[in-house]
Amino acid sequence: MLQCVAEAKSLLLEAEPRHGATSAILNFNLACHHSLLGEMDIGIAEFRLQAGPSTPPVAVREFR
């Protein structure tokens, strides 16, 4: 499954420069895919960038 998530993230990264400024869902999905792949810092940063500075801190749990 992680291979599919990584492939989807690659597609989102390709689309981001062209559509990222006008597609909130693209940026949200990119943040989710980073997080699913364990790239939590990047995922949270992407989410915060999209959600704006007034968004409360995101709680992150580690699943083991």
Protein backbone atom coordinates (compact mmCIF):
# COMPACT_ATOMS: atom_id res chain seq x y z
CA MET A 1 0.00 0.00 0.00
CA LEU A 2 2.81 2.45 0.79
CA GLN A 3 4.07 2.09 -2.77
CA CYS A 4 0.68 3.33 -4.05
CA VAL A 5 0.76 6.24 -1.59
CA ALA A 6 4.28 7.15 -2.73
CA GLU A 7 3.21 7.02 -6.38
CA ALA A 8 0.18 9.19 -5.66
CA LYS A 9 2.39 11.68 -3.79
CA SER A 10 4.69 11.87 -6.82
CA LEU A 11 1.72 12.73 -9.04
CA LEU A 12 0.54 15.38 -6.59
CA LEU A 13 4.03 16.88 -6.48
CA GLU A 14 4.03 17.10 -10.28
CA ALA A 15 0.65 18.86 -10.29
CA GLU A 16 1.40 21.22 -7.39
CA PRO A 17 3.44 23.88 -9.27
CA ARG A 18 0.73 24.22 -11.89
CA HIS A 19 -2.45 23.83 -9.82
CA GLY A 20 -1.41 24.23 -6.18
CA ALA A 21 -2.27 27.92 -5.94
CA THR A 22 -5.87 27.28 -6.98
CA SER A 23 -6.54 23.80 -5.60
CA ALA A 24 -6.92 23.51 -1.84
CA ILE A 25 -7.78 19.82 -2.13
CA LEU A 26 -4.52 19.11 -3.98
CA ASN A 27 -2.52 20.68 -1.14
CA PHE A 28 -4.58 18.91 1.51
CA ASN A 29 -4.06 15.55 -0.22
CA LEU A 30 -0.35 16.26 -0.54
CA ALA A 31 -0.17 16.92 3.20
CA CYS A 32 -2.03 13.67 3.89
CA HIS A 33 0.26 11.64 1.62
CA HIS A 34 3.38 13.08 3.29
CA SER A 35 1.93 12.12 6.66
CA LEU A 36 0.97 8.61 5.55
CA LEU A 37 4.56 8.07 4.45
CA GLY A 38 5.87 9.11 7.86
CA GLU A 39 6.95 12.57 6.69
CA MET A 40 5.01 14.17 9.51
CA ASP A 41 6.93 17.46 9.66
CA ILE A 42 6.40 18.05 5.95
CA GLY A 43 2.77 16.95 6.14
CA ILE A 44 2.01 19.28 9.04
CA ALA A 45 3.85 22.16 7.36
CA GLU A 46 1.83 21.64 4.16
CA PHE A 47 -1.41 21.50 6.16
CA ARG A 48 -0.57 24.64 8.14
CA LEU A 49 0.39 26.47 4.94
CA GLN A 50 -2.98 25.58 3.42
CA ALA A 51 -5.08 26.12 6.56
CA GLY A 52 -3.51 29.43 7.55
CA PRO A 53 -1.85 30.75 10.69
CA SER A 54 -5.08 30.95 12.74
CA THR A 55 -5.46 27.15 12.74
CA PRO A 56 -4.82 25.60 16.16
CA PRO A 57 -1.78 23.30 16.50
CA VAL A 58 -2.22 19.86 15.04
CA ALA A 59 -1.98 16.94 17.45
CA VAL A 60 0.15 14.13 16.08
CA ARG A 61 0.09 10.57 17.37
CA GLU A 62 2.66 7.96 16.52
CA PHE A 63 1.25 4.60 15.60
CA ARG A 64 3.53 1.71 16.47
